[in-house]
Amino acid sequence: DAYTDWCGPCKLLKSSTFADHQVSTFFNSHFVNV
């Protein structure tokens, strides 16, 4: 996740998409996330 502090869509990704159960289960099991 290449982000900046001022980026609105970056914040939205963190609060919604990255918090989604299916997404987190998939990415936590298949990737090393940074």
Full PDB file with SEQRES, HELIX, SHEET, SSBOND, CRYST1, ORIGX, SCALE, CONECT and MASTER records, all heavy atoms in Angstrom:
SEQRES   1 A   34  ASP ALA TYR THR ASP TRP CYS GLY PRO CYS LYS LEU LEU          
SEQRES   2 A   34  LYS SER SER THR PHE ALA ASP HIS GLN VAL SER THR PHE          
SEQRES   3 A   34  PHE ASN SER HIS PHE VAL ASN VAL                              
HELIX    1 AA1 GLY A    8  LEU A   12  1                                   5    
HELIX    2 AA2 LEU A   13  THR A   17  3                                   5    
HELIX    3 AA3 HIS A   21  HIS A   30  1                                  10    
SSBOND   1 CYS A    7    CYS A   10                          1555   1555  2.35  
CRYST1    1.000    1.000    1.000  90.00  90.00  90.00 P 1           1          
ORIGX1      1.000000  0.000000  0.000000        0.00000                         
ORIGX2      0.000000  1.000000  0.000000        0.00000                         
ORIGX3      0.000000  0.000000  1.000000        0.00000                         
SCALE1      1.000000  0.000000  0.000000        0.00000                         
SCALE2      0.000000  1.000000  0.000000        0.00000                         
SCALE3      0.000000  0.000000  1.000000        0.00000                         
ATOM      1  N   ASP A   1       0.880  -1.160   0.000  1.00  0.00           N  
ATOM      2  CA  ASP A   1       0.000   0.000   0.000  1.00  0.00           C  
ATOM      3  C   ASP A   1       0.922   1.215   0.000  1.00  0.00           C  
ATOM      4  O   ASP A   1       1.514   1.556   1.023  1.00  0.00           O  
ATOM      5  CB  ASP A   1      -0.898  -0.013   1.242  1.00  0.00           C  
ATOM      6  CG  ASP A   1      -1.686   1.276   1.415  1.00  0.00           C  
ATOM      7  OD1 ASP A   1      -1.950   1.969   0.401  1.00  0.00           O  
ATOM      8  OD2 ASP A   1      -2.038   1.605   2.568  1.00  0.00           O  
ATOM      9  N   ALA A   2       1.084   1.850  -1.161  1.00  0.00           N  
ATOM     10  CA  ALA A   2       1.913   3.050  -1.298  1.00  0.00           C  
ATOM     11  C   ALA A   2       0.982   4.251  -1.129  1.00  0.00           C  
ATOM     12  O   ALA A   2       0.150   4.524  -1.992  1.00  0.00           O  
ATOM     13  CB  ALA A   2       2.611   3.064  -2.652  1.00  0.00           C  
ATOM     14  N   TYR A   3       1.117   4.953  -0.009  1.00  0.00           N  
ATOM     15  CA  TYR A   3       0.163   5.996   0.351  1.00  0.00           C  
ATOM     16  C   TYR A   3       0.880   7.275   0.784  1.00  0.00           C  
ATOM     17  O   TYR A   3       2.107   7.310   0.907  1.00  0.00           O  
ATOM     18  CB  TYR A   3      -0.739   5.503   1.488  1.00  0.00           C  
ATOM     19  CG  TYR A   3      -0.015   5.406   2.817  1.00  0.00           C  
ATOM     20  CD1 TYR A   3      -0.048   6.466   3.721  1.00  0.00           C  
ATOM     21  CD2 TYR A   3       0.727   4.280   3.159  1.00  0.00           C  
ATOM     22  CE1 TYR A   3       0.637   6.388   4.933  1.00  0.00           C  
ATOM     23  CE2 TYR A   3       1.404   4.197   4.356  1.00  0.00           C  
ATOM     24  CZ  TYR A   3       1.352   5.261   5.242  1.00  0.00           C  
ATOM     25  OH  TYR A   3       2.040   5.182   6.425  1.00  0.00           O  
ATOM     26  N   THR A   4       0.086   8.310   1.013  1.00  0.00           N  
ATOM     27  CA  THR A   4       0.564   9.533   1.657  1.00  0.00           C  
ATOM     28  C   THR A   4      -0.427   9.896   2.754  1.00  0.00           C  
ATOM     29  O   THR A   4      -1.586   9.464   2.723  1.00  0.00           O  
ATOM     30  CB  THR A   4       0.665  10.718   0.678  1.00  0.00           C  
ATOM     31  OG1 THR A   4      -0.647  11.039   0.210  1.00  0.00           O  
ATOM     32  CG2 THR A   4       1.573  10.397  -0.496  1.00  0.00           C  
ATOM     33  N   ASP A   5       0.016  10.706   3.703  1.00  0.00           N  
ATOM     34  CA  ASP A   5      -0.860  11.118   4.810  1.00  0.00           C  
ATOM     35  C   ASP A   5      -2.025  11.997   4.361  1.00  0.00           C  
ATOM     36  O   ASP A   5      -3.086  11.974   4.961  1.00  0.00           O  
ATOM     37  CB  ASP A   5      -0.060  11.875   5.874  1.00  0.00           C  
ATOM     38  CG  ASP A   5       0.803  10.962   6.715  1.00  0.00           C  
ATOM     39  OD1 ASP A   5       0.524   9.753   6.774  1.00  0.00           O  
ATOM     40  OD2 ASP A   5       1.765  11.465   7.326  1.00  0.00           O  
ATOM     41  N   TRP A   6      -1.837  12.781   3.314  1.00  0.00           N  
ATOM     42  CA  TRP A   6      -2.853  13.738   2.884  1.00  0.00           C  
ATOM     43  C   TRP A   6      -3.874  13.165   1.902  1.00  0.00           C  
ATOM     44  O   TRP A   6      -4.847  13.816   1.549  1.00  0.00           O  
ATOM     45  CB  TRP A   6      -2.180  14.960   2.243  1.00  0.00           C  
ATOM     46  CG  TRP A   6      -1.195  14.609   1.165  1.00  0.00           C  
ATOM     47  CD1 TRP A   6       0.154  14.495   1.296  1.00  0.00           C  
ATOM     48  CD2 TRP A   6      -1.485  14.292  -0.203  1.00  0.00           C  
ATOM     49  NE1 TRP A   6       0.740  14.134   0.103  1.00  0.00           N  
ATOM     50  CE2 TRP A   6      -0.246  13.999  -0.840  1.00  0.00           C  
ATOM     51  CE3 TRP A   6      -2.645  14.217  -0.960  1.00  0.00           C  
ATOM     52  CZ2 TRP A   6      -0.155  13.656  -2.186  1.00  0.00           C  
ATOM     53  CZ3 TRP A   6      -2.544  13.870  -2.299  1.00  0.00           C  
ATOM     54  CH2 TRP A   6      -1.309  13.600  -2.895  1.00  0.00           C  
ATOM     55  N   CYS A   7      -3.686  11.935   1.462  1.00  0.00           N  
ATOM     56  CA  CYS A   7      -4.492  11.320   0.399  1.00  0.00           C  
ATOM     57  C   CYS A   7      -5.830  10.811   0.932  1.00  0.00           C  
ATOM     58  O   CYS A   7      -5.873   9.853   1.705  1.00  0.00           O  
ATOM     59  CB  CYS A   7      -3.674  10.188  -0.223  1.00  0.00           C  
ATOM     60  SG  CYS A   7      -4.584   9.102  -1.322  1.00  0.00           S  
ATOM     61  N   GLY A   8      -6.920  11.435   0.494  1.00  0.00           N  
ATOM     62  CA  GLY A   8      -8.259  11.023   0.911  1.00  0.00           C  
ATOM     63  C   GLY A   8      -8.611   9.592   0.510  1.00  0.00           C  
ATOM     64  O   GLY A   8      -9.080   8.810   1.339  1.00  0.00           O  
ATOM     65  N   PRO A   9      -8.402   9.209  -0.764  1.00  0.00           N  
ATOM     66  CA  PRO A   9      -8.694   7.830  -1.155  1.00  0.00           C  
ATOM     67  C   PRO A   9      -7.842   6.805  -0.396  1.00  0.00           C  
ATOM     68  O   PRO A   9      -8.297   5.687  -0.144  1.00  0.00           O  
ATOM     69  CB  PRO A   9      -8.389   7.808  -2.657  1.00  0.00           C  
ATOM     70  CG  PRO A   9      -8.608   9.218  -3.095  1.00  0.00           C  
ATOM     71  CD  PRO A   9      -8.118  10.056  -1.937  1.00  0.00           C  
ATOM     72  N   CYS A  10      -6.620   7.183  -0.012  1.00  0.00           N  
ATOM     73  CA  CYS A  10      -5.770   6.289   0.789  1.00  0.00           C  
ATOM     74  C   CYS A  10      -6.425   6.022   2.140  1.00  0.00           C  
ATOM     75  O   CYS A  10      -6.452   4.885   2.615  1.00  0.00           O  
ATOM     76  CB  CYS A  10      -4.385   6.904   1.018  1.00  0.00           C  
ATOM     77  SG  CYS A  10      -3.430   7.237  -0.481  1.00  0.00           S  
ATOM     78  N   LYS A  11      -6.943   7.074   2.759  1.00  0.00           N  
ATOM     79  CA  LYS A  11      -7.612   6.940   4.061  1.00  0.00           C  
ATOM     80  C   LYS A  11      -8.872   6.099   3.931  1.00  0.00           C  
ATOM     81  O   LYS A  11      -9.179   5.283   4.803  1.00  0.00           O  
ATOM     82  CB  LYS A  11      -7.937   8.317   4.630  1.00  0.00           C  
ATOM     83  CG  LYS A  11      -6.706   9.115   4.997  1.00  0.00           C  
ATOM     84  CD  LYS A  11      -7.067  10.520   5.446  1.00  0.00           C  
ATOM     85  CE  LYS A  11      -5.799  11.321   5.711  1.00  0.00           C  
ATOM     86  NZ  LYS A  11      -6.085  12.696   6.086  1.00  0.00           N  
ATOM     87  N   LEU A  12      -9.600   6.289   2.837  1.00  0.00           N  
ATOM     88  CA  LEU A  12     -10.817   5.510   2.604  1.00  0.00           C  
ATOM     89  C   LEU A  12     -10.494   4.030   2.404  1.00  0.00           C  
ATOM     90  O   LEU A  12     -11.214   3.164   2.916  1.00  0.00           O  
ATOM     91  CB  LEU A  12     -11.572   6.070   1.400  1.00  0.00           C  
ATOM     92  CG  LEU A  12     -12.958   5.495   1.128  1.00  0.00           C  
ATOM     93  CD1 LEU A  12     -13.881   5.670   2.332  1.00  0.00           C  
ATOM     94  CD2 LEU A  12     -13.554   6.145  -0.105  1.00  0.00           C  
ATOM     95  N   LEU A  13      -9.409   3.736   1.684  1.00  0.00           N  
ATOM     96  CA  LEU A  13      -8.981   2.332   1.532  1.00  0.00           C  
ATOM     97  C   LEU A  13      -8.760   1.698   2.899  1.00  0.00           C  
ATOM     98  O   LEU A  13      -9.209   0.576   3.155  1.00  0.00           O  
ATOM     99  CB  LEU A  13      -7.668   2.259   0.747  1.00  0.00           C  
ATOM    100  CG  LEU A  13      -7.715   2.031  -0.739  1.00  0.00           C  
ATOM    101  CD1 LEU A  13      -6.305   2.087  -1.317  1.00  0.00           C  
ATOM    102  CD2 LEU A  13      -8.382   0.733  -1.101  1.00  0.00           C  
ATOM    103  N   LYS A  14      -8.041   2.403   3.771  1.00  0.00           N  
ATOM    104  CA  LYS A  14      -7.718   1.870   5.096  1.00  0.00           C  
ATOM    105  C   LYS A  14      -8.968   1.649   5.940  1.00  0.00           C  
ATOM    106  O   LYS A  14      -9.085   0.635   6.625  1.00  0.00           O  
ATOM    107  CB  LYS A  14      -6.746   2.797   5.824  1.00  0.00           C  
ATOM    108  CG  LYS A  14      -5.368   2.713   5.262  1.00  0.00           C  
ATOM    109  CD  LYS A  14      -4.413   3.639   5.962  1.00  0.00           C  
ATOM    110  CE  LYS A  14      -3.066   3.486   5.307  1.00  0.00           C  
ATOM    111  NZ  LYS A  14      -2.210   4.588   5.370  1.00  0.00           N  
ATOM    112  N   SER A  15      -9.894   2.603   5.893  1.00  0.00           N  
ATOM    113  CA  SER A  15     -11.065   2.507   6.765  1.00  0.00           C  
ATOM    114  C   SER A  15     -12.147   1.572   6.237  1.00  0.00           C  
ATOM    115  O   SER A  15     -12.947   1.059   7.007  1.00  0.00           O  
ATOM    116  CB  SER A  15     -11.658   3.892   7.007  1.00  0.00           C  
ATOM    117  OG  SER A  15     -12.195   4.420   5.808  1.00  0.00           O  
ATOM    118  N   SER A  16     -12.168   1.328   4.923  1.00  0.00           N  
ATOM    119  CA  SER A  16     -13.237   0.494   4.378  1.00  0.00           C  
ATOM    120  C   SER A  16     -12.709  -0.780   3.706  1.00  0.00           C  
ATOM    121  O   SER A  16     -12.906  -1.876   4.220  1.00  0.00           O  
ATOM    122  CB  SER A  16     -14.103   1.301   3.406  1.00  0.00           C  
ATOM    123  OG  SER A  16     -13.343   1.716   2.275  1.00  0.00           O  
ATOM    124  N   THR A  17     -12.035  -0.649   2.600  1.00  0.00           N  
ATOM    125  CA  THR A  17     -11.625  -1.818   1.813  1.00  0.00           C  
ATOM    126  C   THR A  17     -10.690  -2.730   2.587  1.00  0.00           C  
ATOM    127  O   THR A  17     -10.892  -3.943   2.639  1.00  0.00           O  
ATOM    128  CB  THR A  17     -10.980  -1.380   0.485  1.00  0.00           C  
ATOM    129  OG1 THR A  17     -11.915  -0.563  -0.231  1.00  0.00           O  
ATOM    130  CG2 THR A  17     -10.613  -2.582  -0.359  1.00  0.00           C  
ATOM    131  N   PHE A  18      -9.645  -2.173   3.199  1.00  0.00           N  
ATOM    132  CA  PHE A  18      -8.684  -3.002   3.933  1.00  0.00           C  
ATOM    133  C   PHE A  18      -9.300  -3.637   5.176  1.00  0.00           C  
ATOM    134  O   PHE A  18      -8.799  -4.628   5.678  1.00  0.00           O  
ATOM    135  CB  PHE A  18      -7.447  -2.203   4.342  1.00  0.00           C  
ATOM    136  CG  PHE A  18      -6.585  -1.730   3.200  1.00  0.00           C  
ATOM    137  CD1 PHE A  18      -5.631  -0.762   3.410  1.00  0.00           C  
ATOM    138  CD2 PHE A  18      -6.715  -2.246   1.918  1.00  0.00           C  
ATOM    139  CE1 PHE A  18      -4.818  -0.318   2.381  1.00  0.00           C  
ATOM    140  CE2 PHE A  18      -5.910  -1.802   0.875  1.00  0.00           C  
ATOM    141  CZ  PHE A  18      -4.958  -0.829   1.110  1.00  0.00           C  
ATOM    142  N   ALA A  19     -10.390  -3.068   5.670  1.00  0.00           N  
ATOM    143  CA  ALA A  19     -11.066  -3.597   6.857  1.00  0.00           C  
ATOM    144  C   ALA A  19     -12.081  -4.686   6.515  1.00  0.00           C  
ATOM    145  O   ALA A  19     -12.563  -5.380   7.405  1.00  0.00           O  
ATOM    146  CB  ALA A  19     -11.767  -2.464   7.611  1.00  0.00           C  
ATOM    147  N   ASP A  20     -12.404  -4.851   5.240  1.00  0.00           N  
ATOM    148  CA  ASP A  20     -13.366  -5.857   4.806  1.00  0.00           C  
ATOM    149  C   ASP A  20     -12.874  -7.260   5.184  1.00  0.00           C  
ATOM    150  O   ASP A  20     -11.703  -7.598   4.968  1.00  0.00           O  
ATOM    151  CB  ASP A  20     -13.560  -5.759   3.289  1.00  0.00           C  
ATOM    152  CG  ASP A  20     -14.551  -6.768   2.771  1.00  0.00           C  
ATOM    153  OD1 ASP A  20     -15.754  -6.484   2.791  1.00  0.00           O  
ATOM    154  OD2 ASP A  20     -14.097  -7.867   2.352  1.00  0.00           O  
ATOM    155  N   HIS A  21     -13.775  -8.072   5.726  1.00  0.00           N  
ATOM    156  CA  HIS A  21     -13.404  -9.408   6.211  1.00  0.00           C  
ATOM    157  C   HIS A  21     -12.827 -10.298   5.109  1.00  0.00           C  
ATOM    158  O   HIS A  21     -11.787 -10.926   5.290  1.00  0.00           O  
ATOM    159  CB  HIS A  21     -14.598 -10.081   6.877  1.00  0.00           C  
ATOM    160  CG  HIS A  21     -14.316 -11.486   7.308  1.00  0.00           C  
ATOM    161  ND1 HIS A  21     -13.409 -11.782   8.294  1.00  0.00           N  
ATOM    162  CD2 HIS A  21     -14.801 -12.672   6.863  1.00  0.00           C  
ATOM    163  CE1 HIS A  21     -13.346 -13.096   8.441  1.00  0.00           C  
ATOM    164  NE2 HIS A  21     -14.178 -13.662   7.582  1.00  0.00           N  
ATOM    165  N   GLN A  22     -13.487 -10.380   3.954  1.00  0.00           N  
ATOM    166  CA  GLN A  22     -12.989 -11.230   2.867  1.00  0.00           C  
ATOM    167  C   GLN A  22     -11.633 -10.745   2.370  1.00  0.00           C  
ATOM    168  O   GLN A  22     -10.734 -11.540   2.098  1.00  0.00           O  
ATOM    169  CB  GLN A  22     -13.983 -11.279   1.713  1.00  0.00           C  
ATOM    170  CG  GLN A  22     -15.215 -12.099   2.016  1.00  0.00           C  
ATOM    171  CD  GLN A  22     -16.141 -12.174   0.809  1.00  0.00           C  
ATOM    172  OE1 GLN A  22     -16.302 -11.209   0.072  1.00  0.00           O  
ATOM    173  NE2 GLN A  22     -16.759 -13.332   0.625  1.00  0.00           N  
ATOM    174  N   VAL A  23     -11.491  -9.429   2.244  1.00  0.00           N  
ATOM    175  CA  VAL A  23     -10.231  -8.842   1.784  1.00  0.00           C  
ATOM    176  C   VAL A  23      -9.109  -9.152   2.767  1.00  0.00           C  
ATOM    177  O   VAL A  23      -8.037  -9.623   2.386  1.00  0.00           O  
ATOM    178  CB  VAL A  23     -10.372  -7.314   1.584  1.00  0.00           C  
ATOM    179  CG1 VAL A  23      -9.014  -6.651   1.398  1.00  0.00           C  
ATOM    180  CG2 VAL A  23     -11.289  -7.013   0.407  1.00  0.00           C  
ATOM    181  N   SER A  24      -9.352  -8.896   4.052  1.00  0.00           N  
ATOM    182  CA  SER A  24      -8.290  -9.109   5.041  1.00  0.00           C  
ATOM    183  C   SER A  24      -7.911 -10.584   5.152  1.00  0.00           C  
ATOM    184  O   SER A  24      -6.725 -10.918   5.227  1.00  0.00           O  
ATOM    185  CB  SER A  24      -8.688  -8.546   6.411  1.00  0.00           C  
ATOM    186  OG  SER A  24      -9.823  -9.189   6.922  1.00  0.00           O  
ATOM    187  N   THR A  25      -8.885 -11.458   5.104  1.00  0.00           N  
ATOM    188  CA  THR A  25      -8.595 -12.893   5.165  1.00  0.00           C  
ATOM    189  C   THR A  25      -7.732 -13.311   3.973  1.00  0.00           C  
ATOM    190  O   THR A  25      -6.734 -14.010   4.131  1.00  0.00           O  
ATOM    191  CB  THR A  25      -9.895 -13.712   5.208  1.00  0.00           C  
ATOM    192  OG1 THR A  25     -10.622 -13.337   6.382  1.00  0.00           O  
ATOM    193  CG2 THR A  25      -9.611 -15.206   5.240  1.00  0.00           C  
ATOM    194  N   PHE A  26      -8.099 -12.866   2.786  1.00  0.00           N  
ATOM    195  CA  PHE A  26      -7.360 -13.213   1.572  1.00  0.00           C  
ATOM    196  C   PHE A  26      -5.928 -12.663   1.603  1.00  0.00           C  
ATOM    197  O   PHE A  26      -4.958 -13.392   1.399  1.00  0.00           O  
ATOM    198  CB  PHE A  26      -8.095 -12.686   0.331  1.00  0.00           C  
ATOM    199  CG  PHE A  26      -7.400 -12.977  -0.955  1.00  0.00           C  
ATOM    200  CD1 PHE A  26      -7.523 -14.220  -1.565  1.00  0.00           C  
ATOM    201  CD2 PHE A  26      -6.618 -12.014  -1.573  1.00  0.00           C  
ATOM    202  CE1 PHE A  26      -6.870 -14.493  -2.762  1.00  0.00           C  
ATOM    203  CE2 PHE A  26      -5.964 -12.283  -2.762  1.00  0.00           C  
ATOM    204  CZ  PHE A  26      -6.090 -13.524  -3.365  1.00  0.00           C  
ATOM    205  N   PHE A  27      -5.789 -11.371   1.880  1.00  0.00           N  
ATOM    206  CA  PHE A  27      -4.462 -10.757   1.841  1.00  0.00           C  
ATOM    207  C   PHE A  27      -3.573 -11.224   2.990  1.00  0.00           C  
ATOM    208  O   PHE A  27      -2.372 -11.417   2.799  1.00  0.00           O  
ATOM    209  CB  PHE A  27      -4.560  -9.232   1.774  1.00  0.00           C  
ATOM    210  CG  PHE A  27      -4.803  -8.745   0.372  1.00  0.00           C  
ATOM    211  CD1 PHE A  27      -6.091  -8.704  -0.154  1.00  0.00           C  
ATOM    212  CD2 PHE A  27      -3.748  -8.375  -0.446  1.00  0.00           C  
ATOM    213  CE1 PHE A  27      -6.315  -8.304  -1.456  1.00  0.00           C  
ATOM    214  CE2 PHE A  27      -3.966  -7.966  -1.756  1.00  0.00           C  
ATOM    215  CZ  PHE A  27      -5.251  -7.935  -2.262  1.00  0.00           C  
ATOM    216  N   ASN A  28      -4.140 -11.430   4.163  1.00  0.00           N  
ATOM    217  CA  ASN A  28      -3.324 -11.909   5.286  1.00  0.00           C  
ATOM    218  C   ASN A  28      -2.832 -13.334   5.078  1.00  0.00           C  
ATOM    219  O   ASN A  28      -1.782 -13.708   5.589  1.00  0.00           O  
ATOM    220  CB  ASN A  28      -4.097 -11.798   6.604  1.00  0.00           C  
ATOM    221  CG  ASN A  28      -4.281 -10.363   7.034  1.00  0.00           C  
ATOM    222  OD1 ASN A  28      -3.516  -9.482   6.672  1.00  0.00           O  
ATOM    223  ND2 ASN A  28      -5.319 -10.123   7.817  1.00  0.00           N  
ATOM    224  N   SER A  29      -3.557 -14.132   4.296  1.00  0.00           N  
ATOM    225  CA  SER A  29      -3.123 -15.511   4.088  1.00  0.00           C  
ATOM    226  C   SER A  29      -2.249 -15.692   2.847  1.00  0.00           C  
ATOM    227  O   SER A  29      -1.440 -16.607   2.800  1.00  0.00           O  
ATOM    228  CB  SER A  29      -4.323 -16.456   4.035  1.00  0.00           C  
ATOM    229  OG  SER A  29      -5.144 -16.154   2.932  1.00  0.00           O  
ATOM    230  N   HIS A  30      -2.373 -14.816   1.848  1.00  0.00           N  
ATOM    231  CA  HIS A  30      -1.647 -15.004   0.591  1.00  0.00           C  
ATOM    232  C   HIS A  30      -0.453 -14.078   0.380  1.00  0.00           C  
ATOM    233  O   HIS A  30       0.356 -14.319  -0.517  1.00  0.00           O  
ATOM    234  CB  HIS A  30      -2.600 -14.834  -0.601  1.00  0.00           C  
ATOM    235  CG  HIS A  30      -3.577 -15.943  -0.727  1.00  0.00           C  
ATOM    236  ND1 HIS A  30      -4.834 -15.897  -0.161  1.00  0.00           N  
ATOM    237  CD2 HIS A  30      -3.483 -17.149  -1.332  1.00  0.00           C  
ATOM    238  CE1 HIS A  30      -5.470 -17.017  -0.428  1.00  0.00           C  
ATOM    239  NE2 HIS A  30      -4.669 -17.801  -1.134  1.00  0.00           N  
ATOM    240  N   PHE A  31      -0.346 -13.014   1.154  1.00  0.00           N  
ATOM    241  CA  PHE A  31       0.698 -12.012   0.933  1.00  0.00           C  
ATOM    242  C   PHE A  31       1.383 -11.626   2.237  1.00  0.00           C  
ATOM    243  O   PHE A  31       0.819 -11.770   3.323  1.00  0.00           O  
ATOM    244  CB  PHE A  31       0.101 -10.715   0.353  1.00  0.00           C  
ATOM    245  CG  PHE A  31      -0.460 -10.856  -1.024  1.00  0.00           C  
ATOM    246  CD1 PHE A  31      -1.813 -11.129  -1.213  1.00  0.00           C  
ATOM    247  CD2 PHE A  31       0.335 -10.697  -2.139  1.00  0.00           C  
ATOM    248  CE1 PHE A  31      -2.349 -11.250  -2.482  1.00  0.00           C  
ATOM    249  CE2 PHE A  31      -0.190 -10.820  -3.418  1.00  0.00           C  
ATOM    250  CZ  PHE A  31      -1.532 -11.101  -3.592  1.00  0.00           C  
ATOM    251  N   VAL A  32       2.574 -11.081   2.096  1.00  0.00           N  
ATOM    252  CA  VAL A  32       3.194 -10.294   3.158  1.00  0.00           C  
ATOM    253  C   VAL A  32       2.790  -8.862   2.816  1.00  0.00           C  
ATOM    254  O   VAL A  32       3.028  -8.400   1.695  1.00  0.00           O  
ATOM    255  CB  VAL A  32       4.730 -10.456   3.159  1.00  0.00           C  
ATOM    256  CG1 VAL A  32       5.359  -9.512   4.161  1.00  0.00           C  
ATOM    257  CG2 VAL A  32       5.109 -11.899   3.448  1.00  0.00           C  
ATOM    258  N   ASN A  33       2.157  -8.169   3.725  1.00  0.00           N  
ATOM    259  CA  ASN A  33       1.585  -6.852   3.457  1.00  0.00           C  
ATOM    260  C   ASN A  33       2.449  -5.765   4.083  1.00  0.00           C  
ATOM    261  O   ASN A  33       2.814  -5.852   5.250  1.00  0.00           O  
ATOM    262  CB  ASN A  33       0.170  -6.780   4.042  1.00  0.00           C  
ATOM    263  CG  ASN A  33      -0.700  -7.909   3.533  1.00  0.00           C  
ATOM    264  OD1 ASN A  33      -0.966  -8.005   2.340  1.00  0.00           O  
ATOM    265  ND2 ASN A  33      -1.123  -8.787   4.421  1.00  0.00           N  
ATOM    266  N   VAL A  34       2.728  -4.736   3.305  1.00  0.00           N  
ATOM    267  CA  VAL A  34       3.527  -3.624   3.804  1.00  0.00           C  
ATOM    268  C   VAL A  34       2.884  -2.313   3.348  1.00  0.00           C  
ATOM    269  O   VAL A  34       2.459  -2.193   2.203  1.00  0.00           O  
ATOM    270  CB  VAL A  34       5.015  -3.720   3.366  1.00  0.00           C  
ATOM    271  CG1 VAL A  34       5.174  -3.661   1.875  1.00  0.00           C  
ATOM    272  CG2 VAL A  34       5.867  -2.664   4.032  1.00  0.00           C  
TER     273      VAL A  34                                                      
CONECT   60   77                                                                
CONECT   77   60                                                                
MASTER        0    0    0    3    0    0    0    6  272    1    2    3          
END                                                                             
